[in-house]
C-alpha atoms as a PDB file:
ATOM      1  CA  UNK A   1      48.789 -62.744  71.153  1.00  0.00           C
ATOM      2  CA  UNK A   2      45.076 -62.562  71.658  1.00  0.00           C
ATOM      3  CA  UNK A   3      43.080 -65.737  72.040  1.00  0.00           C
ATOM      4  CA  UNK A   4      40.564 -64.195  69.632  1.00  0.00           C
ATOM      5  CA  UNK A   5      42.972 -64.694  66.744  1.00  0.00           C
ATOM      6  CA  UNK A   6      43.189 -68.412  67.472  1.00  0.00           C
ATOM      7  CA  UNK A   7      39.413 -68.628  67.592  1.00  0.00           C
ATOM      8  CA  UNK A   8      39.143 -66.791  64.253  1.00  0.00           C
ATOM      9  CA  UNK A   9      41.563 -69.226  62.631  1.00  0.00           C
ATOM     10  CA  UNK A  10      39.753 -72.210  64.149  1.00  0.00           C
ATOM     11  CA  UNK A  11      36.357 -70.951  62.972  1.00  0.00           C
ATOM     12  CA  UNK A  12      37.692 -70.382  59.459  1.00  0.00           C
ATOM     13  CA  UNK A  13      39.060 -73.938  59.422  1.00  0.00           C
ATOM     14  CA  UNK A  14      35.801 -75.378  60.752  1.00  0.00           C
ATOM     15  CA  UNK A  15      33.664 -73.537  58.191  1.00  0.00           C
ATOM     16  CA  UNK A  16      36.050 -74.550  55.412  1.00  0.00           C
ATOM     17  CA  UNK A  17      35.844 -78.192  56.465  1.00  0.00           C
ATOM     18  CA  UNK A  18      32.041 -78.117  56.440  1.00  0.00           C
ATOM     19  CA  UNK A  19      31.926 -76.426  53.033  1.00  0.00           C
ATOM     20  CA  UNK A  20      34.424 -78.929  51.642  1.00  0.00           C
ATOM     21  CA  UNK A  21      32.383 -81.885  52.922  1.00  0.00           C
ATOM     22  CA  UNK A  22      29.222 -80.482  51.363  1.00  0.00           C
ATOM     23  CA  UNK A  23      30.954 -79.805  48.054  1.00  0.00           C
ATOM     24  CA  UNK A  24      32.548 -83.259  47.909  1.00  0.00           C
ATOM     25  CA  UNK A  25      29.148 -84.858  48.494  1.00  0.00           C
ATOM     26  CA  UNK A  26      27.803 -82.952  45.502  1.00  0.00           C
ATOM     27  CA  UNK A  27      30.800 -83.903  43.284  1.00  0.00           C
ATOM     28  CA  UNK A  28      32.244 -80.386  43.043  1.00  0.00           C
ATOM     29  CA  UNK A  29      35.882 -81.260  43.701  1.00  0.00           C
ATOM     30  CA  UNK A  30      37.260 -78.241  41.855  1.00  0.00           C
ATOM     31  CA  UNK A  31      35.331 -75.940  44.185  1.00  0.00           C
ATOM     32  CA  UNK A  32      36.700 -77.700  47.273  1.00  0.00           C
ATOM     33  CA  UNK A  33      40.204 -76.793  46.143  1.00  0.00           C
ATOM     34  CA  UNK A  34      39.120 -73.211  45.580  1.00  0.00           C
ATOM     35  CA  UNK A  35      37.549 -72.933  49.044  1.00  0.00           C
ATOM     36  CA  UNK A  36      40.632 -74.437  50.685  1.00  0.00           C
ATOM     37  CA  UNK A  37      42.936 -71.984  48.918  1.00  0.00           C
ATOM     38  CA  UNK A  38      40.630 -69.088  49.796  1.00  0.00           C
ATOM     39  CA  UNK A  39      40.589 -70.073  53.468  1.00  0.00           C
ATOM     40  CA  UNK A  40      44.376 -70.399  53.436  1.00  0.00           C
ATOM     41  CA  UNK A  41      44.740 -66.887  52.006  1.00  0.00           C
ATOM     42  CA  UNK A  42      42.357 -65.467  54.627  1.00  0.00           C
ATOM     43  CA  UNK A  43      44.316 -67.114  57.451  1.00  0.00           C
ATOM     44  CA  UNK A  44      47.567 -65.912  55.895  1.00  0.00           C
ATOM     45  CA  UNK A  45      46.277 -62.324  55.885  1.00  0.00           C
ATOM     46  CA  UNK A  46      45.331 -62.633  59.569  1.00  0.00           C
ATOM     47  CA  UNK A  47      48.780 -63.985  60.445  1.00  0.00           C
ATOM     48  CA  UNK A  48      50.582 -61.307  58.411  1.00  0.00           C
ATOM     49  CA  UNK A  49      48.554 -58.654  60.230  1.00  0.00           C
ATOM     50  CA  UNK A  50      49.613 -60.182  63.570  1.00  0.00           C
ATOM     51  CA  UNK A  51      53.271 -60.199  62.516  1.00  0.00           C
ATOM     52  CA  UNK A  52      52.970 -56.564  61.409  1.00  0.00           C
ATOM     53  CA  UNK A  53      51.610 -55.624  64.821  1.00  0.00           C
ATOM     54  CA  UNK A  54      54.433 -57.520  66.471  1.00  0.00           C
ATOM     55  CA  UNK A  55      57.020 -55.672  64.380  1.00  0.00           C
ATOM     56  CA  UNK A  56      55.459 -52.328  65.304  1.00  0.00           C
ATOM     57  CA  UNK A  57      55.658 -53.320  68.972  1.00  0.00           C
ATOM     58  CA  UNK A  58      59.319 -54.210  68.576  1.00  0.00           C
ATOM     59  CA  UNK A  59      60.029 -50.911  66.823  1.00  0.00           C
ATOM     60  CA  UNK A  60      58.399 -48.931  69.608  1.00  0.00           C
ATOM     61  CA  UNK A  61      60.078 -51.045  72.288  1.00  0.00           C
ATOM     62  CA  UNK A  62      63.581 -50.465  70.936  1.00  0.00           C
ATOM     63  CA  UNK A  63      62.738 -46.950  69.695  1.00  0.00           C
ATOM     64  CA  UNK A  64      63.542 -47.739  66.071  1.00  0.00           C
ATOM     65  CA  UNK A  65      61.885 -45.096  63.939  1.00  0.00           C
END
């Protein structure tokens, strides 16, 4: 696992937290939920891509075609 992936996830979380704070200060609570869900989906896509790469590595390691 690359350390870059952890940094990407951390940066997404940090940016989401800042956006949520700014939106809560301006009384846009429905948008904070939307940004949190969007960030969760982005992180989920990154993790699914990592798992896909891991599965491909396992397939090539055990020669499963």
